[in-house]
């Protein structure tokens, strides 16, 4: 199975309004949803996220994952 790279994900994000092609969508969301791995920590930083009171993650990687999922028009799931 081909694993999408961070470079591919960033290329799609940087492309702006350009629609993601079907090949990119299949590479990044073969199950129909984008799964984004995040790392929880006591304090937020560039790579670490914190949990809100309701358990929802918050941080830079969460923002990137949500933006990419929106561009791919698929739901996002954050995985610890």
C-alpha atoms as a PDB file:
ATOM      1  CA  UNK A   1       0.000   0.000   0.000  1.00  0.00           C
ATOM      2  CA  UNK A   2       1.333   3.395  -0.953  1.00  0.00           C
ATOM      3  CA  UNK A   3       1.665   5.805   1.977  1.00  0.00           C
ATOM      4  CA  UNK A   4       1.029   9.464   1.146  1.00  0.00           C
ATOM      5  CA  UNK A   5       3.810  11.796   2.089  1.00  0.00           C
ATOM      6  CA  UNK A   6       3.705  15.061   3.980  1.00  0.00           C
ATOM      7  CA  UNK A   7       4.957  16.703   0.796  1.00  0.00           C
ATOM      8  CA  UNK A   8       1.885  15.558  -1.118  1.00  0.00           C
ATOM      9  CA  UNK A   9      -0.400  16.838   1.632  1.00  0.00           C
ATOM     10  CA  UNK A  10       1.369  20.203   1.757  1.00  0.00           C
ATOM     11  CA  UNK A  11       1.304  20.498  -2.036  1.00  0.00           C
ATOM     12  CA  UNK A  12      -2.479  20.141  -2.011  1.00  0.00           C
ATOM     13  CA  UNK A  13      -2.806  22.726   0.757  1.00  0.00           C
ATOM     14  CA  UNK A  14      -0.496  25.211  -0.956  1.00  0.00           C
ATOM     15  CA  UNK A  15      -2.258  24.779  -4.308  1.00  0.00           C
ATOM     16  CA  UNK A  16      -4.907  27.187  -3.039  1.00  0.00           C
ATOM     17  CA  UNK A  17      -8.170  26.997  -4.920  1.00  0.00           C
ATOM     18  CA  UNK A  18      -7.036  24.251  -7.269  1.00  0.00           C
ATOM     19  CA  UNK A  19      -9.245  21.210  -6.788  1.00  0.00           C
ATOM     20  CA  UNK A  20      -7.521  18.043  -5.654  1.00  0.00           C
ATOM     21  CA  UNK A  21      -7.458  15.434  -8.370  1.00  0.00           C
ATOM     22  CA  UNK A  22      -9.033  12.029  -7.861  1.00  0.00           C
ATOM     23  CA  UNK A  23      -5.664  10.274  -7.556  1.00  0.00           C
ATOM     24  CA  UNK A  24      -4.650  12.524  -4.647  1.00  0.00           C
ATOM     25  CA  UNK A  25      -7.985  11.900  -2.942  1.00  0.00           C
ATOM     26  CA  UNK A  26      -7.559   8.115  -3.236  1.00  0.00           C
ATOM     27  CA  UNK A  27      -4.002   8.314  -1.902  1.00  0.00           C
ATOM     28  CA  UNK A  28      -4.916  10.473   1.086  1.00  0.00           C
ATOM     29  CA  UNK A  29      -8.345   9.078   1.937  1.00  0.00           C
ATOM     30  CA  UNK A  30      -8.720   5.513   0.622  1.00  0.00           C
ATOM     31  CA  UNK A  31     -11.459   4.798   3.192  1.00  0.00           C
ATOM     32  CA  UNK A  32     -13.465   7.920   2.344  1.00  0.00           C
ATOM     33  CA  UNK A  33     -12.187   9.921   5.316  1.00  0.00           C
ATOM     34  CA  UNK A  34      -8.879  11.601   6.020  1.00  0.00           C
ATOM     35  CA  UNK A  35      -7.168  10.110   9.070  1.00  0.00           C
ATOM     36  CA  UNK A  36      -4.666  12.507  10.641  1.00  0.00           C
ATOM     37  CA  UNK A  37      -2.217  11.335  13.286  1.00  0.00           C
ATOM     38  CA  UNK A  38      -1.696  13.826  16.101  1.00  0.00           C
ATOM     39  CA  UNK A  39       0.388  13.801  19.264  1.00  0.00           C
ATOM     40  CA  UNK A  40      -1.179  15.074  22.470  1.00  0.00           C
ATOM     41  CA  UNK A  41       0.963  16.911  25.000  1.00  0.00           C
ATOM     42  CA  UNK A  42       0.404  18.989  28.148  1.00  0.00           C
ATOM     43  CA  UNK A  43       1.230  22.178  26.200  1.00  0.00           C
ATOM     44  CA  UNK A  44       0.588  23.018  22.571  1.00  0.00           C
ATOM     45  CA  UNK A  45       3.448  23.564  20.127  1.00  0.00           C
ATOM     46  CA  UNK A  46       3.996  23.312  16.383  1.00  0.00           C
ATOM     47  CA  UNK A  47       3.774  19.516  16.415  1.00  0.00           C
ATOM     48  CA  UNK A  48       1.833  18.791  19.596  1.00  0.00           C
ATOM     49  CA  UNK A  49      -1.866  19.350  20.229  1.00  0.00           C
ATOM     50  CA  UNK A  50      -3.852  19.766  23.408  1.00  0.00           C
ATOM     51  CA  UNK A  51      -7.321  18.461  24.205  1.00  0.00           C
ATOM     52  CA  UNK A  52     -10.173  20.866  24.826  1.00  0.00           C
ATOM     53  CA  UNK A  53     -12.552  20.233  27.746  1.00  0.00           C
ATOM     54  CA  UNK A  54     -14.861  18.344  25.355  1.00  0.00           C
ATOM     55  CA  UNK A  55     -11.958  16.114  24.207  1.00  0.00           C
ATOM     56  CA  UNK A  56     -11.571  17.772  20.805  1.00  0.00           C
ATOM     57  CA  UNK A  57      -7.925  18.287  19.762  1.00  0.00           C
ATOM     58  CA  UNK A  58      -6.613  21.818  19.107  1.00  0.00           C
ATOM     59  CA  UNK A  59      -3.356  22.851  17.467  1.00  0.00           C
ATOM     60  CA  UNK A  60      -1.477  23.492  14.235  1.00  0.00           C
ATOM     61  CA  UNK A  61      -1.672  19.904  12.969  1.00  0.00           C
ATOM     62  CA  UNK A  62      -5.421  19.877  13.660  1.00  0.00           C
ATOM     63  CA  UNK A  63      -5.848  23.061  11.634  1.00  0.00           C
ATOM     64  CA  UNK A  64      -3.839  21.589   8.748  1.00  0.00           C
ATOM     65  CA  UNK A  65      -5.798  18.331   8.845  1.00  0.00           C
ATOM     66  CA  UNK A  66      -9.160  20.117   8.865  1.00  0.00           C
ATOM     67  CA  UNK A  67      -8.115  22.368   5.968  1.00  0.00           C
ATOM     68  CA  UNK A  68      -6.886  19.448   3.890  1.00  0.00           C
ATOM     69  CA  UNK A  69     -10.054  17.442   4.564  1.00  0.00           C
ATOM     70  CA  UNK A  70     -12.130  20.438   3.485  1.00  0.00           C
ATOM     71  CA  UNK A  71     -10.144  20.736   0.254  1.00  0.00           C
ATOM     72  CA  UNK A  72     -10.567  17.003  -0.409  1.00  0.00           C
ATOM     73  CA  UNK A  73     -14.250  17.272   0.538  1.00  0.00           C
ATOM     74  CA  UNK A  74     -14.011  14.344   2.975  1.00  0.00           C
ATOM     75  CA  UNK A  75     -14.554  14.056   6.725  1.00  0.00           C
ATOM     76  CA  UNK A  76     -11.519  14.123   9.023  1.00  0.00           C
ATOM     77  CA  UNK A  77     -10.671  11.756  11.876  1.00  0.00           C
ATOM     78  CA  UNK A  78      -7.871  12.529  14.320  1.00  0.00           C
ATOM     79  CA  UNK A  79      -5.909   9.548  15.617  1.00  0.00           C
ATOM     80  CA  UNK A  80      -3.701   9.612  18.690  1.00  0.00           C
END
